[in-house]
Amino acid sequence: MKASDLTRRQQAVLTFVRTFLQEEGRSPTLSEIAKGVGSSAVSTIHKHVQHLVDKGFLSRSHGRGNNIVVAMPDAEMETSPGQMGASALHPGPRLYPFCGDVAAGAPILPESRALPIEVPNSIHRQRDEVFVLRVRGDSMVEDAILDGDLVVLQRKAEYRNGDRVVALLDGEEVTLKEFRRDAKGVWLVPHNPALKPRLYPLDRIEIQGLLIGVMRSC
């Protein structure tokens, strides 16, 4: 079945769910879907969602009150329900820019010069502003992040104490450390017993991204 074969309301629900997934990185509740399509009847939205599940366009999750729906990727929208396997119901890998090494000597490459690299959905979860770096060194070995591993990061507006981040120092050196901020400035904390935390004034440091996953090197 094609999406064009759905009723207008079913198409509206499906479009809202897919857009919500892309923008929010999670599935909407039935109440959020109702509000998004201009309906005051959650029970009616439940029926539309169930029709979309029956027709193979959505898959239901049984967590959090059974109110979460998971949409198919765009590329699968023309596939008949009988042909769909588990991979058609869940987003797959995405390509994100590989921007070089986390090492002294150079800032992160501009994305216009970066090469694409595949990141599994279990890490990216449909996030935006994601990029990949290769680790050089052993400063985070107690976090099981080893020399040569690929780390997946997301640019954020704010960072919290305890976050693992990539920081740019003096516009030149890139390093992966735990982020801690207090009245003195920003502490970059290694997770290696042979190394000590270092304190930096705010004007010397720029946080480039939050660690969201690690891909082991072979």
N, C-alpha and C. Protein backbone atom coordinates (compact mmCIF):
# COMPACT_ATOMS: atom_id res chain seq x y z
N MET A 1 0.83 -1.20 0.00
CA MET A 1 0.00 0.00 0.00
C MET A 1 0.87 1.25 0.00
N LYS A 2 0.42 2.27 -0.73
CA LYS A 2 1.12 3.54 -0.78
C LYS A 2 0.50 4.53 0.20
N ALA A 3 1.32 5.53 0.61
CA ALA A 3 0.80 6.55 1.52
C ALA A 3 -0.37 7.31 0.90
N SER A 4 -0.37 7.42 -0.42
CA SER A 4 -1.45 8.14 -1.11
C SER A 4 -2.79 7.41 -1.00
N ASP A 5 -2.76 6.13 -0.61
CA ASP A 5 -4.00 5.36 -0.45
C ASP A 5 -4.65 5.58 0.91
N LEU A 6 -3.98 6.30 1.80
CA LEU A 6 -4.53 6.56 3.12
C LEU A 6 -5.55 7.69 3.08
N THR A 7 -6.39 7.77 4.10
CA THR A 7 -7.31 8.90 4.21
C THR A 7 -6.51 10.16 4.55
N ARG A 8 -7.14 11.31 4.37
CA ARG A 8 -6.44 12.58 4.67
C ARG A 8 -6.00 12.64 6.12
N ARG A 9 -6.86 12.21 7.03
CA ARG A 9 -6.50 12.26 8.45
C ARG A 9 -5.37 11.28 8.75
N GLN A 10 -5.40 10.10 8.16
CA GLN A 10 -4.31 9.14 8.36
C GLN A 10 -2.99 9.69 7.81
N GLN A 11 -3.05 10.34 6.66
CA GLN A 11 -1.85 10.95 6.09
C GLN A 11 -1.32 12.05 7.01
N ALA A 12 -2.23 12.83 7.60
CA ALA A 12 -1.82 13.91 8.50
C ALA A 12 -1.14 13.33 9.73
N VAL A 13 -1.71 12.27 10.29
CA VAL A 13 -1.11 11.62 11.47
C VAL A 13 0.26 11.06 11.12
N LEU A 14 0.37 10.38 9.99
CA LEU A 14 1.64 9.78 9.59
C LEU A 14 2.70 10.86 9.35
N THR A 15 2.33 11.93 8.67
CA THR A 15 3.27 13.02 8.42
C THR A 15 3.75 13.65 9.72
N PHE A 16 2.80 13.86 10.66
CA PHE A 16 3.18 14.46 11.93
C PHE A 16 4.16 13.58 12.69
N VAL A 17 3.89 12.26 12.73
CA VAL A 17 4.75 11.34 13.47
C VAL A 17 6.16 11.34 12.88
N ARG A 18 6.25 11.26 11.57
CA ARG A 18 7.57 11.23 10.92
C ARG A 18 8.34 12.52 11.17
N THR A 19 7.66 13.66 11.06
CA THR A 19 8.31 14.95 11.30
C THR A 19 8.75 15.08 12.76
N PHE A 20 7.88 14.65 13.67
CA PHE A 20 8.20 14.71 15.10
C PHE A 20 9.44 13.87 15.41
N LEU A 21 9.51 12.68 14.85
CA LEU A 21 10.67 11.81 15.07
C LEU A 21 11.97 12.48 14.61
N GLN A 22 11.92 13.10 13.45
CA GLN A 22 13.11 13.75 12.90
C GLN A 22 13.55 14.94 13.74
N GLU A 23 12.57 15.72 14.23
CA GLU A 23 12.90 16.95 14.94
C GLU A 23 13.18 16.73 16.42
N GLU A 24 12.49 15.79 17.04
CA GLU A 24 12.60 15.60 18.49
C GLU A 24 13.48 14.41 18.89
N GLY A 25 13.73 13.50 17.95
CA GLY A 25 14.56 12.34 18.26
C GLY A 25 13.86 11.29 19.10
N ARG A 26 12.54 11.36 19.20
CA ARG A 26 11.76 10.36 19.93
C ARG A 26 10.37 10.29 19.30
N SER A 27 9.62 9.27 19.68
CA SER A 27 8.26 9.12 19.15
C SER A 27 7.27 9.93 19.98
N PRO A 28 6.24 10.47 19.35
CA PRO A 28 5.25 11.26 20.09
C PRO A 28 4.23 10.39 20.80
N THR A 29 3.62 10.92 21.84
CA THR A 29 2.49 10.25 22.49
C THR A 29 1.23 10.52 21.68
N LEU A 30 0.17 9.80 22.00
CA LEU A 30 -1.10 10.02 21.32
C LEU A 30 -1.61 11.43 21.54
N SER A 31 -1.42 11.97 22.74
CA SER A 31 -1.86 13.35 23.03
C SER A 31 -1.10 14.35 22.17
N GLU A 32 0.20 14.14 21.98
CA GLU A 32 1.00 15.04 21.15
C GLU A 32 0.58 14.95 19.69
N ILE A 33 0.24 13.75 19.23
CA ILE A 33 -0.24 13.60 17.86
C ILE A 33 -1.56 14.34 17.69
N ALA A 34 -2.48 14.16 18.65
CA ALA A 34 -3.79 14.83 18.56
C ALA A 34 -3.61 16.34 18.47
N LYS A 35 -2.76 16.90 19.32
CA LYS A 35 -2.52 18.34 19.30
C LYS A 35 -1.89 18.76 17.98
N GLY A 36 -0.96 17.93 17.48
CA GLY A 36 -0.24 18.27 16.26
C GLY A 36 -1.10 18.29 15.01
N VAL A 37 -2.17 17.49 14.99
CA VAL A 37 -3.04 17.46 13.82
C VAL A 37 -4.35 18.20 14.06
N GLY A 38 -4.45 18.90 15.19
CA GLY A 38 -5.61 19.73 15.45
C GLY A 38 -6.84 18.98 15.88
N SER A 39 -6.65 17.89 16.62
CA SER A 39 -7.79 17.10 17.10
C SER A 39 -7.86 17.16 18.61
N SER A 40 -9.08 17.15 19.13
CA SER A 40 -9.26 17.15 20.59
C SER A 40 -9.62 15.77 21.11
N ALA A 41 -9.73 14.79 20.21
CA ALA A 41 -10.16 13.44 20.60
C ALA A 41 -9.00 12.46 20.48
N VAL A 42 -8.39 12.15 21.62
CA VAL A 42 -7.28 11.20 21.62
C VAL A 42 -7.75 9.82 21.19
N SER A 43 -8.97 9.47 21.55
CA SER A 43 -9.50 8.16 21.19
C SER A 43 -9.58 8.01 19.67
N THR A 44 -9.94 9.08 18.98
CA THR A 44 -9.99 9.03 17.51
C THR A 44 -8.60 8.88 16.93
N ILE A 45 -7.62 9.60 17.51
CA ILE A 45 -6.24 9.47 17.06
C ILE A 45 -5.74 8.05 17.28
N HIS A 46 -6.15 7.45 18.39
CA HIS A 46 -5.76 6.06 18.67
C HIS A 46 -6.24 5.15 17.53
N LYS A 47 -7.46 5.36 17.05
CA LYS A 47 -7.99 4.55 15.96
C LYS A 47 -7.19 4.75 14.68
N HIS A 48 -6.82 6.02 14.38
CA HIS A 48 -6.03 6.29 13.18
C HIS A 48 -4.66 5.63 13.29
N VAL A 49 -4.05 5.72 14.46
CA VAL A 49 -2.75 5.09 14.66
C VAL A 49 -2.85 3.59 14.47
N GLN A 50 -3.92 2.99 15.02
CA GLN A 50 -4.08 1.55 14.89
C GLN A 50 -4.26 1.14 13.43
N HIS A 51 -5.01 1.95 12.66
CA HIS A 51 -5.15 1.68 11.23
C HIS A 51 -3.78 1.73 10.54
N LEU A 52 -2.95 2.70 10.89
CA LEU A 52 -1.62 2.82 10.29
C LEU A 52 -0.72 1.65 10.69
N VAL A 53 -0.90 1.17 11.93
CA VAL A 53 -0.16 -0.01 12.36
C VAL A 53 -0.61 -1.22 11.55
N ASP A 54 -1.93 -1.40 11.43
CA ASP A 54 -2.48 -2.54 10.68
C ASP A 54 -2.03 -2.53 9.22
N LYS A 55 -1.86 -1.32 8.67
CA LYS A 55 -1.46 -1.20 7.26
C LYS A 55 0.06 -1.21 7.08
N GLY A 56 0.79 -1.29 8.20
CA GLY A 56 2.24 -1.44 8.12
C GLY A 56 3.03 -0.15 8.05
N PHE A 57 2.37 1.01 8.23
CA PHE A 57 3.09 2.27 8.15
C PHE A 57 3.70 2.68 9.48
N LEU A 58 3.17 2.18 10.58
CA LEU A 58 3.70 2.47 11.90
C LEU A 58 3.86 1.18 12.68
N SER A 59 4.73 1.26 13.68
CA SER A 59 4.91 0.14 14.61
C SER A 59 4.74 0.66 16.02
N ARG A 60 4.01 -0.09 16.86
CA ARG A 60 3.76 0.38 18.22
C ARG A 60 4.81 -0.13 19.18
N SER A 61 5.13 0.72 20.15
CA SER A 61 5.97 0.30 21.26
C SER A 61 5.07 0.03 22.45
N HIS A 62 5.44 -0.94 23.30
CA HIS A 62 4.61 -1.27 24.45
C HIS A 62 5.17 -0.70 25.75
N GLY A 63 6.06 0.27 25.61
CA GLY A 63 6.59 0.93 26.79
C GLY A 63 5.87 2.24 27.04
N ARG A 64 6.04 2.76 28.25
CA ARG A 64 5.53 4.07 28.64
C ARG A 64 4.05 4.23 28.32
N GLY A 65 3.25 3.28 28.82
CA GLY A 65 1.82 3.39 28.65
C GLY A 65 1.31 3.01 27.29
N ASN A 66 2.16 2.38 26.46
CA ASN A 66 1.75 1.93 25.14
C ASN A 66 1.28 3.09 24.26
N ASN A 67 1.80 4.30 24.52
CA ASN A 67 1.37 5.47 23.76
C ASN A 67 2.38 5.92 22.71
N ILE A 68 3.45 5.16 22.54
CA ILE A 68 4.50 5.58 21.63
C ILE A 68 4.37 4.84 20.31
N VAL A 69 4.54 5.58 19.20
CA VAL A 69 4.51 4.95 17.89
C VAL A 69 5.83 5.21 17.19
N VAL A 70 6.27 4.27 16.40
CA VAL A 70 7.54 4.38 15.69
C VAL A 70 7.27 4.34 14.20
N ALA A 71 7.72 5.35 13.48
CA ALA A 71 7.42 5.45 12.06
C ALA A 71 8.45 4.73 11.22
N MET A 72 8.04 4.35 10.02
CA MET A 72 8.96 3.79 9.04
C MET A 72 9.81 4.89 8.45
N PRO A 73 11.04 4.57 7.97
CA PRO A 73 11.84 5.55 7.24
C PRO A 73 11.17 5.94 5.93
N ASP A 74 11.52 7.12 5.41
CA ASP A 74 10.92 7.60 4.16
C ASP A 74 11.11 6.61 3.03
N ALA A 75 12.28 5.99 2.95
CA ALA A 75 12.58 5.12 1.82
C ALA A 75 11.68 3.89 1.78
N GLU A 76 11.01 3.57 2.89
CA GLU A 76 10.20 2.36 2.95
C GLU A 76 8.71 2.64 2.73
N MET A 77 8.35 3.87 2.47
CA MET A 77 6.94 4.23 2.44
C MET A 77 6.17 3.54 1.32
N GLU A 78 6.82 3.12 0.24
CA GLU A 78 6.11 2.50 -0.86
C GLU A 78 6.14 0.98 -0.78
N THR A 79 6.70 0.41 0.28
CA THR A 79 6.81 -1.02 0.43
C THR A 79 5.51 -1.58 1.00
N SER A 80 5.03 -2.68 0.47
CA SER A 80 3.81 -3.28 0.99
C SER A 80 4.06 -3.89 2.34
N PRO A 81 3.05 -3.89 3.25
CA PRO A 81 3.23 -4.41 4.60
C PRO A 81 3.73 -5.83 4.62
N GLY A 82 3.29 -6.67 3.66
CA GLY A 82 3.70 -8.05 3.65
C GLY A 82 5.16 -8.25 3.35
N GLN A 83 5.81 -7.22 2.77
CA GLN A 83 7.22 -7.32 2.40
C GLN A 83 8.12 -6.74 3.46
N MET A 84 7.57 -6.14 4.51
CA MET A 84 8.38 -5.43 5.47
C MET A 84 8.91 -6.37 6.54
N GLY A 85 10.21 -6.25 6.82
CA GLY A 85 10.81 -6.94 7.93
C GLY A 85 11.04 -5.97 9.06
N ALA A 86 11.74 -6.42 10.09
CA ALA A 86 11.99 -5.55 11.25
C ALA A 86 12.79 -4.34 10.87
N SER A 87 13.71 -4.46 9.91
CA SER A 87 14.56 -3.33 9.54
C SER A 87 13.76 -2.21 8.89
N ALA A 88 12.58 -2.53 8.30
CA ALA A 88 11.77 -1.51 7.66
C ALA A 88 11.01 -0.68 8.67
N LEU A 89 10.89 -1.15 9.90
CA LEU A 89 10.10 -0.45 10.90
C LEU A 89 10.95 0.45 11.78
N HIS A 90 12.26 0.41 11.64
CA HIS A 90 13.13 1.19 12.50
C HIS A 90 14.19 1.89 11.66
N PRO A 91 14.54 3.12 11.98
CA PRO A 91 15.56 3.83 11.23
C PRO A 91 16.88 3.08 11.24
N GLY A 92 17.60 3.16 10.14
CA GLY A 92 18.88 2.46 10.03
C GLY A 92 20.06 3.41 10.19
N PRO A 93 21.23 3.00 9.71
CA PRO A 93 22.42 3.84 9.82
C PRO A 93 22.26 5.14 9.03
N ARG A 94 22.99 6.16 9.46
CA ARG A 94 23.03 7.43 8.72
C ARG A 94 24.48 7.83 8.52
N LEU A 95 24.70 8.62 7.48
CA LEU A 95 26.04 9.13 7.22
C LEU A 95 26.22 10.46 7.92
N TYR A 96 27.32 10.58 8.66
CA TYR A 96 27.68 11.82 9.34
C TYR A 96 29.12 12.17 9.00
N PRO A 97 29.49 13.45 9.10
CA PRO A 97 30.85 13.84 8.72
C PRO A 97 31.92 13.32 9.68
N PHE A 98 32.96 12.72 9.10
CA PHE A 98 34.14 12.33 9.86
C PHE A 98 35.15 13.47 9.74
N CYS A 99 35.47 14.09 10.88
CA CYS A 99 36.22 15.34 10.87
C CYS A 99 37.68 15.21 11.33
N GLY A 100 38.21 13.99 11.37
CA GLY A 100 39.63 13.85 11.68
C GLY A 100 39.88 13.26 13.06
N ASP A 101 41.05 13.58 13.60
CA ASP A 101 41.50 13.00 14.87
C ASP A 101 41.30 13.95 16.04
N VAL A 102 41.07 13.37 17.23
CA VAL A 102 41.13 14.15 18.47
C VAL A 102 42.59 14.12 18.90
N ALA A 103 43.33 15.13 18.52
CA ALA A 103 44.77 15.14 18.81
C ALA A 103 45.28 16.56 18.79
N ALA A 104 46.43 16.78 19.40
CA ALA A 104 47.02 18.11 19.44
C ALA A 104 47.47 18.52 18.04
N GLY A 105 47.37 19.82 17.79
CA GLY A 105 47.97 20.34 16.58
C GLY A 105 47.03 20.95 15.58
N ALA A 106 45.72 20.60 15.63
CA ALA A 106 44.81 21.14 14.63
C ALA A 106 43.38 21.13 15.14
N PRO A 107 42.61 22.17 14.83
CA PRO A 107 41.19 22.15 15.20
C PRO A 107 40.41 21.18 14.32
N ILE A 108 39.15 20.94 14.67
CA ILE A 108 38.31 20.03 13.90
C ILE A 108 38.12 20.56 12.49
N LEU A 109 38.16 19.64 11.52
CA LEU A 109 37.98 20.02 10.13
C LEU A 109 36.61 20.63 9.89
N PRO A 110 36.53 21.67 9.04
CA PRO A 110 35.21 22.14 8.64
C PRO A 110 34.44 21.02 7.95
N GLU A 111 33.12 20.97 8.12
CA GLU A 111 32.35 19.87 7.54
C GLU A 111 32.39 19.86 6.02
N SER A 112 32.68 21.01 5.41
CA SER A 112 32.77 21.04 3.96
C SER A 112 33.94 20.21 3.45
N ARG A 113 34.91 19.92 4.31
CA ARG A 113 36.07 19.11 3.93
C ARG A 113 36.01 17.72 4.55
N ALA A 114 34.97 17.43 5.32
CA ALA A 114 34.90 16.16 6.03
C ALA A 114 34.37 15.05 5.12
N LEU A 115 34.76 13.82 5.43
CA LEU A 115 34.30 12.65 4.71
C LEU A 115 33.11 12.04 5.46
N PRO A 116 32.14 11.47 4.74
CA PRO A 116 31.00 10.85 5.43
C PRO A 116 31.38 9.49 6.02
N ILE A 117 30.78 9.15 7.15
CA ILE A 117 30.99 7.85 7.77
C ILE A 117 29.66 7.37 8.32
N GLU A 118 29.44 6.05 8.25
CA GLU A 118 28.16 5.48 8.67
C GLU A 118 28.12 5.28 10.18
N VAL A 119 27.04 5.75 10.80
CA VAL A 119 26.84 5.61 12.24
C VAL A 119 25.54 4.85 12.48
N PRO A 120 25.55 3.78 13.28
CA PRO A 120 24.33 3.00 13.50
C PRO A 120 23.28 3.78 14.27
N ASN A 121 22.02 3.42 14.05
CA ASN A 121 20.92 4.10 14.71
C ASN A 121 20.98 3.98 16.23
N SER A 122 21.55 2.89 16.74
CA SER A 122 21.65 2.72 18.19
C SER A 122 22.45 3.83 18.84
N ILE A 123 23.28 4.52 18.04
CA ILE A 123 24.06 5.66 18.55
C ILE A 123 23.41 6.98 18.17
N HIS A 124 23.13 7.18 16.90
CA HIS A 124 22.69 8.52 16.48
C HIS A 124 21.24 8.82 16.83
N ARG A 125 20.35 7.82 16.81
CA ARG A 125 18.94 7.99 17.16
C ARG A 125 18.31 9.22 16.50
N GLN A 126 18.66 9.39 15.22
CA GLN A 126 18.08 10.45 14.39
C GLN A 126 18.46 11.86 14.85
N ARG A 127 19.56 11.99 15.57
CA ARG A 127 19.98 13.33 16.01
C ARG A 127 20.57 14.12 14.84
N ASP A 128 20.52 15.43 14.97
CA ASP A 128 21.19 16.33 14.03
C ASP A 128 22.44 16.89 14.69
N GLU A 129 23.23 17.63 13.91
CA GLU A 129 24.46 18.25 14.40
C GLU A 129 25.43 17.20 14.97
N VAL A 130 25.52 16.06 14.30
CA VAL A 130 26.38 14.96 14.74
C VAL A 130 27.62 14.90 13.85
N PHE A 131 28.76 14.58 14.45
CA PHE A 131 29.99 14.37 13.68
C PHE A 131 30.83 13.32 14.37
N VAL A 132 31.86 12.83 13.68
CA VAL A 132 32.67 11.72 14.17
C VAL A 132 34.14 12.12 14.17
N LEU A 133 34.86 11.70 15.22
CA LEU A 133 36.31 11.92 15.32
C LEU A 133 36.99 10.60 15.69
N ARG A 134 38.28 10.50 15.37
CA ARG A 134 39.07 9.36 15.79
C ARG A 134 39.92 9.74 17.01
N VAL A 135 39.92 8.89 18.03
CA VAL A 135 40.67 9.16 19.26
C VAL A 135 42.14 8.82 19.05
N ARG A 136 42.99 9.72 19.52
CA ARG A 136 44.43 9.47 19.56
C ARG A 136 44.88 9.67 21.00
N GLY A 137 45.42 8.62 21.62
CA GLY A 137 45.86 8.72 23.01
C GLY A 137 45.05 7.85 23.92
N ASP A 138 45.41 7.87 25.21
CA ASP A 138 44.79 6.97 26.19
C ASP A 138 44.26 7.72 27.40
N SER A 139 43.87 8.96 27.23
CA SER A 139 43.45 9.76 28.38
C SER A 139 42.08 9.36 28.92
N MET A 140 41.32 8.55 28.16
CA MET A 140 39.97 8.17 28.60
C MET A 140 39.82 6.65 28.68
N VAL A 141 40.90 5.96 29.01
CA VAL A 141 40.87 4.49 29.01
C VAL A 141 39.91 3.94 30.06
N GLU A 142 39.72 4.65 31.18
CA GLU A 142 38.80 4.15 32.21
C GLU A 142 37.35 4.25 31.78
N ASP A 143 37.08 4.98 30.70
CA ASP A 143 35.76 4.99 30.08
C ASP A 143 35.69 3.99 28.93
N ALA A 144 36.73 3.14 28.81
CA ALA A 144 36.83 2.16 27.72
C ALA A 144 36.85 2.83 26.35
N ILE A 145 37.45 4.02 26.29
CA ILE A 145 37.67 4.71 25.03
C ILE A 145 39.16 4.59 24.73
N LEU A 146 39.50 3.87 23.66
CA LEU A 146 40.88 3.50 23.40
C LEU A 146 41.44 4.23 22.18
N ASP A 147 42.75 4.24 22.10
CA ASP A 147 43.43 4.84 20.95
C ASP A 147 42.93 4.20 19.65
N GLY A 148 42.52 5.01 18.71
CA GLY A 148 42.03 4.52 17.43
C GLY A 148 40.52 4.37 17.35
N ASP A 149 39.82 4.44 18.49
CA ASP A 149 38.36 4.35 18.46
C ASP A 149 37.76 5.56 17.76
N LEU A 150 36.55 5.36 17.21
CA LEU A 150 35.79 6.47 16.64
C LEU A 150 34.75 6.92 17.65
N VAL A 151 34.75 8.21 17.96
CA VAL A 151 33.78 8.75 18.89
C VAL A 151 32.76 9.58 18.13
N VAL A 152 31.50 9.42 18.49
CA VAL A 152 30.39 10.13 17.84
C VAL A 152 29.94 11.24 18.77
N LEU A 153 29.87 12.45 18.25
CA LEU A 153 29.58 13.62 19.07
C LEU A 153 28.45 14.44 18.48
N GLN A 154 27.79 15.20 19.36
CA GLN A 154 26.71 16.08 18.93
C GLN A 154 26.97 17.49 19.45
N ARG A 155 26.83 18.46 18.58
CA ARG A 155 26.96 19.86 18.99
C ARG A 155 25.75 20.25 19.83
N LYS A 156 26.00 20.90 20.95
CA LYS A 156 24.94 21.31 21.86
C LYS A 156 25.12 22.78 22.20
N ALA A 157 24.02 23.40 22.63
CA ALA A 157 24.09 24.79 23.07
C ALA A 157 24.66 24.90 24.47
N GLU A 158 24.40 23.89 25.31
CA GLU A 158 24.87 23.90 26.69
C GLU A 158 25.43 22.53 27.06
N TYR A 159 26.37 22.54 28.00
CA TYR A 159 27.00 21.31 28.47
C TYR A 159 26.94 21.28 30.00
N ARG A 160 26.78 20.07 30.54
CA ARG A 160 26.62 19.91 31.98
C ARG A 160 27.84 19.23 32.59
N ASN A 161 28.06 19.49 33.87
CA ASN A 161 29.14 18.82 34.58
C ASN A 161 28.96 17.30 34.48
N GLY A 162 30.06 16.64 34.16
CA GLY A 162 30.02 15.19 33.99
C GLY A 162 29.93 14.75 32.54
N ASP A 163 29.56 15.67 31.63
CA ASP A 163 29.53 15.33 30.21
C ASP A 163 30.93 15.00 29.72
N ARG A 164 31.01 14.03 28.81
CA ARG A 164 32.27 13.79 28.08
C ARG A 164 32.19 14.63 26.82
N VAL A 165 33.19 15.48 26.62
CA VAL A 165 33.12 16.44 25.53
C VAL A 165 34.45 16.48 24.77
N VAL A 166 34.37 17.02 23.56
CA VAL A 166 35.57 17.40 22.82
C VAL A 166 35.71 18.92 22.95
N ALA A 167 36.89 19.34 23.39
CA ALA A 167 37.15 20.76 23.61
C ALA A 167 38.28 21.23 22.71
N LEU A 168 38.15 22.45 22.23
CA LEU A 168 39.20 23.10 21.44
C LEU A 168 39.91 24.11 22.34
N LEU A 169 41.22 23.93 22.50
CA LEU A 169 42.01 24.76 23.39
C LEU A 169 42.84 25.76 22.60
N ASP A 170 42.69 27.03 22.93
CA ASP A 170 43.46 28.10 22.29
C ASP A 170 43.32 28.08 20.77
N GLY A 171 42.22 27.54 20.27
CA GLY A 171 42.01 27.49 18.83
C GLY A 171 42.92 26.53 18.10
N GLU A 172 43.63 25.66 18.82
CA GLU A 172 44.62 24.80 18.17
C GLU A 172 44.51 23.33 18.55
N GLU A 173 44.39 23.02 19.84
CA GLU A 173 44.46 21.64 20.31
C GLU A 173 43.07 21.11 20.61
N VAL A 174 42.77 19.91 20.12
CA VAL A 174 41.48 19.26 20.36
C VAL A 174 41.70 18.10 21.31
N THR A 175 40.84 18.02 22.34
CA THR A 175 41.01 16.97 23.34
C THR A 175 39.66 16.45 23.81
N LEU A 176 39.60 15.16 24.15
CA LEU A 176 38.39 14.52 24.68
C LEU A 176 38.57 14.32 26.18
N LYS A 177 37.66 14.91 26.97
CA LYS A 177 37.77 14.84 28.43
C LYS A 177 36.37 14.95 29.06
N GLU A 178 36.32 14.72 30.38
CA GLU A 178 35.11 15.02 31.14
C GLU A 178 35.06 16.52 31.42
N PHE A 179 33.87 17.10 31.27
CA PHE A 179 33.66 18.53 31.45
C PHE A 179 33.22 18.83 32.88
N ARG A 180 33.90 19.76 33.52
CA ARG A 180 33.49 20.26 34.84
C ARG A 180 33.70 21.76 34.86
N ARG A 181 32.68 22.49 35.32
CA ARG A 181 32.79 23.95 35.39
C ARG A 181 32.47 24.42 36.80
N ASP A 182 33.30 25.34 37.31
CA ASP A 182 33.04 25.95 38.60
C ASP A 182 33.44 27.42 38.55
N ALA A 183 33.52 28.07 39.69
CA ALA A 183 33.82 29.51 39.74
C ALA A 183 35.22 29.83 39.20
N LYS A 184 36.10 28.86 39.19
CA LYS A 184 37.47 29.09 38.72
C LYS A 184 37.59 29.03 37.20
N GLY A 185 36.71 28.31 36.56
CA GLY A 185 36.79 28.14 35.11
C GLY A 185 36.29 26.76 34.72
N VAL A 186 36.88 26.19 33.67
CA VAL A 186 36.49 24.88 33.17
C VAL A 186 37.60 23.86 33.45
N TRP A 187 37.22 22.77 34.11
CA TRP A 187 38.14 21.66 34.33
C TRP A 187 37.92 20.62 33.24
N LEU A 188 39.02 20.15 32.66
CA LEU A 188 38.96 19.02 31.75
C LEU A 188 39.61 17.84 32.46
N VAL A 189 38.79 16.82 32.71
CA VAL A 189 39.20 15.72 33.58
C VAL A 189 39.46 14.47 32.76
N PRO A 190 40.71 13.97 32.75
CA PRO A 190 40.98 12.71 32.06
C PRO A 190 40.51 11.53 32.89
N HIS A 191 40.26 10.41 32.23
CA HIS A 191 39.90 9.19 32.94
C HIS A 191 41.02 8.17 32.72
N ASN A 192 42.17 8.55 33.25
CA ASN A 192 43.38 7.75 33.22
C ASN A 192 44.13 8.09 34.51
N PRO A 193 44.40 7.11 35.39
CA PRO A 193 45.02 7.41 36.68
C PRO A 193 46.40 8.05 36.58
N ALA A 194 47.01 7.97 35.41
CA ALA A 194 48.34 8.56 35.24
C ALA A 194 48.29 10.04 34.90
N LEU A 195 47.07 10.56 34.63
CA LEU A 195 46.92 11.95 34.20
C LEU A 195 46.09 12.72 35.21
N LYS A 196 46.30 14.04 35.26
CA LYS A 196 45.60 14.89 36.22
C LYS A 196 44.67 15.87 35.50
N PRO A 197 43.59 16.28 36.16
CA PRO A 197 42.71 17.30 35.59
C PRO A 197 43.46 18.62 35.38
N ARG A 198 43.01 19.37 34.40
CA ARG A 198 43.61 20.68 34.14
C ARG A 198 42.50 21.73 34.09
N LEU A 199 42.84 22.91 34.62
CA LEU A 199 41.89 24.02 34.69
C LEU A 199 42.20 25.04 33.59
N TYR A 200 41.15 25.52 32.93
CA TYR A 200 41.32 26.50 31.85
C TYR A 200 40.36 27.67 32.07
N PRO A 201 40.82 28.89 31.82
CA PRO A 201 39.89 30.03 31.82
C PRO A 201 38.94 29.93 30.64
N LEU A 202 37.78 30.54 30.77
CA LEU A 202 36.74 30.41 29.75
C LEU A 202 37.19 30.91 28.38
N ASP A 203 38.07 31.92 28.35
CA ASP A 203 38.46 32.49 27.06
C ASP A 203 39.47 31.61 26.31
N ARG A 204 39.94 30.53 26.92
CA ARG A 204 40.89 29.65 26.25
C ARG A 204 40.25 28.38 25.70
N ILE A 205 38.97 28.18 25.99
CA ILE A 205 38.36 26.88 25.68
C ILE A 205 37.04 27.05 24.95
N GLU A 206 36.81 26.18 24.00
CA GLU A 206 35.53 26.13 23.27
C GLU A 206 35.09 24.67 23.18
N ILE A 207 33.93 24.37 23.75
CA ILE A 207 33.42 23.00 23.70
C ILE A 207 32.82 22.76 22.31
N GLN A 208 33.30 21.71 21.66
CA GLN A 208 32.90 21.42 20.28
C GLN A 208 31.75 20.42 20.16
N GLY A 209 31.62 19.50 21.14
CA GLY A 209 30.58 18.51 21.01
C GLY A 209 30.49 17.59 22.22
N LEU A 210 29.33 16.98 22.38
CA LEU A 210 29.04 16.04 23.47
C LEU A 210 29.19 14.61 22.96
N LEU A 211 29.90 13.78 23.71
CA LEU A 211 30.06 12.38 23.35
C LEU A 211 28.73 11.65 23.49
N ILE A 212 28.27 11.00 22.39
CA ILE A 212 27.03 10.23 22.46
C ILE A 212 27.24 8.76 22.12
N GLY A 213 28.45 8.39 21.69
CA GLY A 213 28.69 6.98 21.40
C GLY A 213 30.11 6.73 20.95
N VAL A 214 30.50 5.47 21.01
CA VAL A 214 31.85 5.05 20.62
C VAL A 214 31.73 3.87 19.66
N MET A 215 32.50 3.91 18.58
CA MET A 215 32.57 2.80 17.65
C MET A 215 33.98 2.22 17.72
N ARG A 216 34.07 0.98 18.14
CA ARG A 216 35.37 0.35 18.37
C ARG A 216 36.12 0.15 17.07
N SER A 217 37.41 0.47 17.10
CA SER A 217 38.27 0.24 15.93
C SER A 217 38.58 -1.23 15.81
N CYS A 218 38.83 -1.71 14.60
CA CYS A 218 39.12 -3.13 14.39
C CYS A 218 40.63 -3.37 14.31
